[in-house]
Amino acid sequence: MLDSKLAFNISKRIEFSASITNLLNRKEYSYTSYGTISQYERSSKLRGREFLISLYLKK
């Protein structure tokens, strides 16, 4: 997985941000953890690539 976010303050009251998640567009995330006498495997499905643009107004 690779996520990225960019934020820019236009003024003291306005912030613009853009973020992208799952940049590499992986479908599954899995890992294995090894202990002294045990092994643990975990696998999870991931959402697809997402791009979000936001505009924040501060009081």
C-alpha atoms as a PDB file:
ATOM      1  CA  MET A   1       0.000   0.000   0.000  1.00  0.00           C
ATOM      2  CA  LEU A   2       1.075   3.523  -0.619  1.00  0.00           C
ATOM      3  CA  ASP A   3      -0.898   6.586   0.507  1.00  0.00           C
ATOM      4  CA  SER A   4      -0.160  10.234  -0.061  1.00  0.00           C
ATOM      5  CA  LYS A   5      -1.673  13.546   1.041  1.00  0.00           C
ATOM      6  CA  LEU A   6      -0.988  17.129   0.000  1.00  0.00           C
ATOM      7  CA  ALA A   7      -2.370  20.098   1.957  1.00  0.00           C
ATOM      8  CA  PHE A   8      -2.148  23.770   1.081  1.00  0.00           C
ATOM      9  CA  ASN A   9      -3.337  26.726   3.169  1.00  0.00           C
ATOM     10  CA  ILE A  10      -4.829  29.267   0.778  1.00  0.00           C
ATOM     11  CA  SER A  11      -5.430  31.716   3.635  1.00  0.00           C
ATOM     12  CA  LYS A  12      -5.783  31.585   7.427  1.00  0.00           C
ATOM     13  CA  ARG A  13      -9.344  30.305   7.032  1.00  0.00           C
ATOM     14  CA  ILE A  14      -9.208  28.124   3.910  1.00  0.00           C
ATOM     15  CA  GLU A  15      -7.284  24.876   3.413  1.00  0.00           C
ATOM     16  CA  PHE A  16      -7.201  22.790   0.227  1.00  0.00           C
ATOM     17  CA  SER A  17      -6.094  19.155   0.367  1.00  0.00           C
ATOM     18  CA  ALA A  18      -5.818  16.244  -2.030  1.00  0.00           C
ATOM     19  CA  SER A  19      -5.183  12.649  -0.997  1.00  0.00           C
ATOM     20  CA  ILE A  20      -4.792   9.350  -2.765  1.00  0.00           C
ATOM     21  CA  THR A  21      -4.975   5.936  -1.107  1.00  0.00           C
ATOM     22  CA  ASN A  22      -3.781   2.559  -2.379  1.00  0.00           C
ATOM     23  CA  LEU A  23      -1.675   4.246  -5.041  1.00  0.00           C
ATOM     24  CA  LEU A  24      -0.265   0.898  -6.211  1.00  0.00           C
ATOM     25  CA  ASN A  25      -3.838  -0.489  -6.527  1.00  0.00           C
ATOM     26  CA  ARG A  26      -3.142  -3.677  -4.530  1.00  0.00           C
ATOM     27  CA  LYS A  27      -6.136  -5.999  -4.114  1.00  0.00           C
ATOM     28  CA  GLU A  28      -4.945  -7.837  -0.994  1.00  0.00           C
ATOM     29  CA  TYR A  29      -2.683  -7.197   1.996  1.00  0.00           C
ATOM     30  CA  SER A  30      -1.135 -10.138   3.805  1.00  0.00           C
ATOM     31  CA  TYR A  31       1.635 -10.701   6.324  1.00  0.00           C
ATOM     32  CA  THR A  32       3.123 -13.467   8.457  1.00  0.00           C
ATOM     33  CA  SER A  33       4.365 -13.098  12.013  1.00  0.00           C
ATOM     34  CA  TYR A  34       6.783 -15.647  13.434  1.00  0.00           C
ATOM     35  CA  GLY A  35       7.113 -16.450  17.127  1.00  0.00           C
ATOM     36  CA  THR A  36       9.355 -18.873  18.972  1.00  0.00           C
ATOM     37  CA  ILE A  37       7.088 -21.883  18.411  1.00  0.00           C
ATOM     38  CA  SER A  38       4.253 -20.385  16.383  1.00  0.00           C
ATOM     39  CA  GLN A  39       3.409 -18.748  13.086  1.00  0.00           C
ATOM     40  CA  TYR A  40       0.519 -16.342  12.427  1.00  0.00           C
ATOM     41  CA  GLU A  41      -0.742 -15.448   8.953  1.00  0.00           C
ATOM     42  CA  ARG A  42      -3.196 -12.669   8.170  1.00  0.00           C
ATOM     43  CA  SER A  43      -4.751 -11.612   4.869  1.00  0.00           C
ATOM     44  CA  SER A  44      -7.183  -8.766   4.164  1.00  0.00           C
ATOM     45  CA  LYS A  45      -8.965  -7.527   1.052  1.00  0.00           C
ATOM     46  CA  LEU A  46      -8.290  -3.884   0.168  1.00  0.00           C
ATOM     47  CA  ARG A  47     -10.437  -1.223  -1.418  1.00  0.00           C
ATOM     48  CA  GLY A  48      -9.404   0.016  -4.830  1.00  0.00           C
ATOM     49  CA  ARG A  49      -7.499   3.199  -5.542  1.00  0.00           C
ATOM     50  CA  GLU A  50      -9.240   6.344  -4.245  1.00  0.00           C
ATOM     51  CA  PHE A  51      -8.623  10.036  -4.924  1.00  0.00           C
ATOM     52  CA  LEU A  52     -10.176  12.700  -2.693  1.00  0.00           C
ATOM     53  CA  ILE A  53     -10.139  16.491  -2.947  1.00  0.00           C
ATOM     54  CA  SER A  54     -11.218  18.518   0.097  1.00  0.00           C
ATOM     55  CA  LEU A  55     -11.761  22.168   0.915  1.00  0.00           C
ATOM     56  CA  TYR A  56     -11.835  23.113   4.629  1.00  0.00           C
ATOM     57  CA  LEU A  57     -13.273  26.356   5.948  1.00  0.00           C
ATOM     58  CA  LYS A  58     -12.088  27.293   9.434  1.00  0.00           C
ATOM     59  CA  LYS A  59     -13.859  29.652  11.851  1.00  0.00           C
END
